[in-house]
Amino acid sequence: MPTTPGELRPQLRIDRCVCHDVTFRALAEWSASTGCRSVDEAAREFKCTTSCGMCLPYVERALATGQTVFHEILPVRRSAAR
C-alpha cells in the first residue's frame, strides 16, 4: 500500500484466460482474421470460458471491441458462467 498520495501502486493487468493460458490478444487476432465474434465459437477454438468462467466478461469485451488488456475487474454474470 502506498504511504504517500504520490507513491505509485502496481497496476492491475488482466490479459488472459488463466485456466487455459489464452491471451485476449490471441482471441482478438483470431476474431479479426475470422470475423467471428461468438463467445461459444471462441470457447470451442480456445477452451476459454469453459473452466472457472471468470474470463467470460473479458472474452466478451475482447471479441466485441478488440480490447486485449484490462485494468479493472469486470463482474461475471453468474447466470452466464459456464
Protein backbone atom coordinates (compact mmCIF):
# COMPACT_ATOMS: atom_id res chain seq x y z
CA MET A 1 0.00 0.00 0.00
CA PRO A 2 1.33 3.46 -0.81
CA THR A 3 2.36 5.51 2.17
CA THR A 4 2.04 8.87 0.42
CA PRO A 5 -0.54 10.11 -2.10
CA GLY A 6 2.04 10.34 -4.91
CA GLU A 7 3.55 6.88 -4.43
CA LEU A 8 2.92 4.50 -7.34
CA ARG A 9 0.92 1.32 -6.94
CA PRO A 10 1.35 -1.74 -9.10
CA GLN A 11 -1.28 -1.57 -11.81
CA LEU A 12 -3.78 -4.37 -12.26
CA ARG A 13 -3.26 -6.13 -15.60
CA ILE A 14 -5.61 -8.84 -16.83
CA ASP A 15 -4.64 -10.13 -20.26
CA ARG A 16 -5.55 -13.81 -20.46
CA CYS A 17 -7.74 -16.74 -19.54
CA VAL A 18 -5.74 -18.15 -16.65
CA CYS A 19 -7.20 -21.66 -16.82
CA HIS A 20 -6.15 -22.22 -20.43
CA ASP A 21 -3.36 -19.61 -20.76
CA VAL A 22 -5.02 -17.96 -23.76
CA THR A 23 -4.30 -14.27 -24.19
CA PHE A 24 -7.10 -11.90 -25.10
CA ARG A 25 -4.75 -10.65 -27.85
CA ALA A 26 -4.84 -14.13 -29.42
CA LEU A 27 -8.64 -14.08 -29.22
CA ALA A 28 -8.86 -10.61 -30.76
CA GLU A 29 -6.47 -11.57 -33.56
CA TRP A 30 -8.45 -14.74 -34.25
CA SER A 31 -11.67 -12.74 -34.22
CA ALA A 32 -10.26 -10.14 -36.63
CA SER A 33 -8.98 -12.79 -39.03
CA THR A 34 -12.14 -14.93 -38.99
CA GLY A 35 -14.77 -12.25 -38.44
CA CYS A 36 -16.16 -14.36 -35.60
CA ARG A 37 -17.47 -12.53 -32.53
CA SER A 38 -19.14 -15.50 -30.85
CA VAL A 39 -18.09 -16.44 -27.33
CA ASP A 40 -19.26 -20.01 -27.99
CA GLU A 41 -17.04 -20.27 -31.09
CA ALA A 42 -14.10 -18.81 -29.15
CA ALA A 43 -14.72 -21.37 -26.40
CA ARG A 44 -14.67 -24.20 -28.94
CA GLU A 45 -11.48 -22.86 -30.53
CA PHE A 46 -9.53 -21.89 -27.38
CA LYS A 47 -11.40 -23.52 -24.43
CA CYS A 48 -11.56 -20.14 -22.64
CA THR A 49 -14.73 -19.60 -20.54
CA THR A 50 -15.13 -23.39 -20.16
CA SER A 51 -13.48 -23.90 -16.75
CA CYS A 52 -13.91 -21.36 -13.95
CA GLY A 53 -15.70 -18.82 -16.19
CA MET A 54 -14.02 -15.77 -14.64
CA CYS A 55 -12.66 -14.73 -18.05
CA LEU A 56 -16.14 -14.57 -19.63
CA PRO A 57 -16.66 -10.79 -19.36
CA TYR A 58 -13.14 -10.16 -20.69
CA VAL A 59 -13.64 -12.55 -23.61
CA GLU A 60 -16.96 -10.88 -24.40
CA ARG A 61 -15.36 -7.44 -24.40
CA ALA A 62 -12.26 -8.56 -26.32
CA LEU A 63 -14.43 -10.05 -29.06
CA ALA A 64 -16.75 -7.02 -29.17
CA THR A 65 -14.14 -4.26 -29.02
CA GLY A 66 -10.69 -5.73 -29.66
CA GLN A 67 -9.51 -4.64 -26.20
CA THR A 68 -6.84 -7.09 -25.00
CA VAL A 69 -5.60 -5.74 -21.66
CA PHE A 70 -7.88 -4.80 -18.79
CA HIS A 71 -7.07 -2.75 -15.72
CA GLU A 72 -10.30 -3.33 -13.86
CA ILE A 73 -12.14 -6.35 -12.57
CA LEU A 74 -15.24 -6.95 -14.67
CA PRO A 75 -18.21 -8.61 -12.99
CA VAL A 76 -19.13 -12.14 -14.02
CA ARG A 77 -22.83 -12.68 -14.57
CA ARG A 78 -23.38 -15.88 -12.62
CA SER A 79 -26.18 -16.98 -14.94
CA ALA A 80 -23.77 -16.71 -17.89
CA ALA A 81 -20.82 -18.51 -16.26
CA ARG A 82 -20.19 -21.91 -17.77
